[in-house]
């Protein structure tokens, strides 16, 4: 069984459902493997525990508002 693993900042239930659906559909299209064979894991990190360019995602988002 192929596993698709994504580590990301927190997301809504709808965003997570959409990610699982779209990642699976894309992998099926590319590989031709049955969708029932894919496992998708979403590992969420708090925005203050994920950094980019020396800043936390929380800081980046605050600066954009």
N, C-alpha and C. Protein backbone atom coordinates (compact mmCIF):
# COMPACT_ATOMS: atom_id res chain seq x y z
N UNK A 1 0.83 -1.19 0.00
CA UNK A 1 0.00 0.00 0.00
C UNK A 1 0.88 1.25 0.00
N UNK A 2 0.73 2.10 -0.99
CA UNK A 2 1.48 3.36 -1.00
C UNK A 2 0.99 4.29 0.11
N UNK A 3 1.92 5.04 0.70
CA UNK A 3 1.59 6.00 1.75
C UNK A 3 2.00 7.39 1.30
N UNK A 4 1.07 8.32 1.40
CA UNK A 4 1.34 9.73 1.13
C UNK A 4 1.30 10.41 2.49
N UNK A 5 2.40 11.05 2.87
CA UNK A 5 2.49 11.70 4.17
C UNK A 5 2.77 13.18 3.99
N UNK A 6 1.98 14.01 4.65
CA UNK A 6 2.13 15.46 4.56
C UNK A 6 2.28 16.01 5.97
N UNK A 7 3.30 16.82 6.17
CA UNK A 7 3.48 17.55 7.42
C UNK A 7 3.22 19.01 7.12
N UNK A 8 2.33 19.62 7.91
CA UNK A 8 1.88 20.98 7.59
C UNK A 8 1.40 21.69 8.84
N UNK A 9 1.14 22.98 8.70
CA UNK A 9 0.50 23.74 9.77
C UNK A 9 -0.94 23.26 9.91
N UNK A 10 -1.56 23.65 10.99
CA UNK A 10 -2.94 23.23 11.26
C UNK A 10 -3.88 23.63 10.11
N UNK A 11 -4.87 22.79 9.88
CA UNK A 11 -5.84 23.03 8.80
C UNK A 11 -7.25 22.70 9.31
N UNK A 12 -8.24 23.20 8.59
CA UNK A 12 -9.62 22.90 8.96
C UNK A 12 -9.97 21.48 8.52
N UNK A 13 -11.07 20.96 9.04
CA UNK A 13 -11.53 19.62 8.64
C UNK A 13 -11.80 19.57 7.14
N UNK A 14 -12.39 20.63 6.61
CA UNK A 14 -12.68 20.68 5.17
C UNK A 14 -11.39 20.68 4.35
N UNK A 15 -10.40 21.44 4.76
CA UNK A 15 -9.11 21.46 4.05
C UNK A 15 -8.45 20.08 4.08
N UNK A 16 -8.51 19.43 5.23
CA UNK A 16 -7.90 18.10 5.34
C UNK A 16 -8.63 17.09 4.46
N UNK A 17 -9.95 17.14 4.45
CA UNK A 17 -10.72 16.24 3.59
C UNK A 17 -10.37 16.48 2.13
N UNK A 18 -10.30 17.75 1.72
CA UNK A 18 -9.95 18.09 0.33
C UNK A 18 -8.55 17.61 -0.03
N UNK A 19 -7.60 17.78 0.89
CA UNK A 19 -6.24 17.32 0.64
C UNK A 19 -6.20 15.81 0.43
N UNK A 20 -6.87 15.08 1.30
CA UNK A 20 -6.89 13.62 1.18
C UNK A 20 -7.50 13.20 -0.15
N UNK A 21 -8.60 13.82 -0.52
CA UNK A 21 -9.28 13.50 -1.78
C UNK A 21 -8.40 13.82 -2.98
N UNK A 22 -7.84 15.03 -3.01
CA UNK A 22 -7.05 15.47 -4.17
C UNK A 22 -5.71 14.75 -4.27
N UNK A 23 -5.05 14.52 -3.15
CA UNK A 23 -3.78 13.80 -3.18
C UNK A 23 -3.99 12.38 -3.69
N UNK A 24 -5.04 11.74 -3.21
CA UNK A 24 -5.34 10.38 -3.66
C UNK A 24 -5.66 10.36 -5.16
N UNK A 25 -6.51 11.28 -5.61
CA UNK A 25 -6.89 11.32 -7.02
C UNK A 25 -5.68 11.55 -7.93
N UNK A 26 -4.80 12.44 -7.51
CA UNK A 26 -3.60 12.72 -8.31
C UNK A 26 -2.68 11.52 -8.36
N UNK A 27 -2.49 10.86 -7.22
CA UNK A 27 -1.63 9.67 -7.18
C UNK A 27 -2.20 8.55 -8.03
N UNK A 28 -3.51 8.38 -8.03
CA UNK A 28 -4.16 7.37 -8.86
C UNK A 28 -3.94 7.69 -10.34
N UNK A 29 -4.12 8.95 -10.70
CA UNK A 29 -3.94 9.38 -12.09
C UNK A 29 -2.52 9.10 -12.58
N UNK A 30 -1.54 9.38 -11.73
CA UNK A 30 -0.15 9.22 -12.12
C UNK A 30 0.29 7.76 -12.13
N UNK A 31 -0.14 7.00 -11.12
CA UNK A 31 0.37 5.63 -10.96
C UNK A 31 -0.53 4.54 -11.54
N UNK A 32 -1.83 4.84 -11.66
CA UNK A 32 -2.77 3.82 -12.10
C UNK A 32 -3.13 2.82 -11.01
N UNK A 33 -2.67 3.07 -9.80
CA UNK A 33 -2.99 2.19 -8.67
C UNK A 33 -4.37 2.55 -8.14
N UNK A 34 -5.10 1.56 -7.66
CA UNK A 34 -6.44 1.76 -7.13
C UNK A 34 -6.45 2.74 -5.95
N UNK A 35 -7.46 3.61 -5.88
CA UNK A 35 -7.53 4.57 -4.78
C UNK A 35 -7.63 3.89 -3.41
N UNK A 36 -8.21 2.72 -3.36
CA UNK A 36 -8.35 2.00 -2.09
C UNK A 36 -7.00 1.53 -1.54
N UNK A 37 -5.98 1.56 -2.36
CA UNK A 37 -4.65 1.12 -1.93
C UNK A 37 -3.86 2.22 -1.21
N UNK A 38 -4.27 3.47 -1.39
CA UNK A 38 -3.50 4.58 -0.84
C UNK A 38 -3.87 4.89 0.61
N UNK A 39 -2.85 5.15 1.40
CA UNK A 39 -3.01 5.65 2.76
C UNK A 39 -2.49 7.08 2.75
N UNK A 40 -3.26 8.01 3.28
CA UNK A 40 -2.83 9.41 3.37
C UNK A 40 -2.78 9.78 4.85
N UNK A 41 -1.63 10.29 5.29
CA UNK A 41 -1.52 10.77 6.67
C UNK A 41 -1.23 12.26 6.64
N UNK A 42 -1.92 13.00 7.49
CA UNK A 42 -1.69 14.43 7.63
C UNK A 42 -1.18 14.68 9.04
N UNK A 43 0.03 15.16 9.13
CA UNK A 43 0.66 15.46 10.41
C UNK A 43 0.66 16.96 10.60
N UNK A 44 -0.14 17.43 11.55
CA UNK A 44 -0.28 18.87 11.76
C UNK A 44 0.65 19.35 12.86
N UNK A 45 1.28 20.49 12.61
CA UNK A 45 2.13 21.15 13.59
C UNK A 45 1.50 22.48 13.97
N UNK A 46 1.58 22.85 15.23
CA UNK A 46 1.10 24.18 15.60
C UNK A 46 1.88 25.24 14.83
N UNK A 47 1.23 26.33 14.52
CA UNK A 47 1.87 27.38 13.71
C UNK A 47 3.10 27.98 14.39
N UNK A 48 3.19 27.85 15.71
CA UNK A 48 4.38 28.37 16.39
C UNK A 48 5.50 27.32 16.46
N UNK A 49 5.26 26.14 15.89
CA UNK A 49 6.27 25.07 15.86
C UNK A 49 6.75 24.78 14.45
N UNK A 50 6.39 25.63 13.51
CA UNK A 50 6.77 25.44 12.11
C UNK A 50 7.40 26.75 11.63
N UNK A 51 8.61 26.67 11.09
CA UNK A 51 9.30 27.89 10.71
C UNK A 51 9.68 27.94 9.25
N UNK A 52 9.84 29.16 8.76
CA UNK A 52 10.25 29.40 7.38
C UNK A 52 11.06 30.69 7.36
N UNK A 53 12.26 30.63 6.84
CA UNK A 53 13.09 31.83 6.74
C UNK A 53 13.42 32.46 8.09
N UNK A 54 13.55 31.65 9.13
CA UNK A 54 13.92 32.16 10.44
C UNK A 54 12.77 32.70 11.26
N UNK A 55 11.55 32.55 10.77
CA UNK A 55 10.37 33.01 11.51
C UNK A 55 9.40 31.85 11.64
N UNK A 56 8.56 31.90 12.69
CA UNK A 56 7.51 30.89 12.79
C UNK A 56 6.39 31.25 11.80
N UNK A 57 5.63 30.27 11.43
CA UNK A 57 4.49 30.52 10.54
C UNK A 57 3.52 31.48 11.22
N UNK A 58 3.38 31.35 12.52
CA UNK A 58 2.51 32.25 13.27
C UNK A 58 2.95 33.70 13.07
N UNK A 59 4.26 33.97 13.18
CA UNK A 59 4.78 35.33 12.99
C UNK A 59 4.55 35.83 11.56
N UNK A 60 4.77 34.95 10.60
CA UNK A 60 4.59 35.31 9.19
C UNK A 60 3.14 35.69 8.91
N UNK A 61 2.21 34.89 9.42
CA UNK A 61 0.80 35.17 9.20
C UNK A 61 0.37 36.47 9.88
N UNK A 62 0.88 36.74 11.07
CA UNK A 62 0.55 37.99 11.76
C UNK A 62 1.06 39.19 10.97
N UNK A 63 2.24 39.08 10.40
CA UNK A 63 2.83 40.18 9.63
C UNK A 63 2.06 40.46 8.35
N UNK A 64 1.37 39.45 7.81
CA UNK A 64 0.61 39.62 6.57
C UNK A 64 -0.72 40.31 6.80
N UNK A 65 -1.18 40.34 8.02
CA UNK A 65 -2.48 40.98 8.33
C UNK A 65 -2.34 42.42 8.68
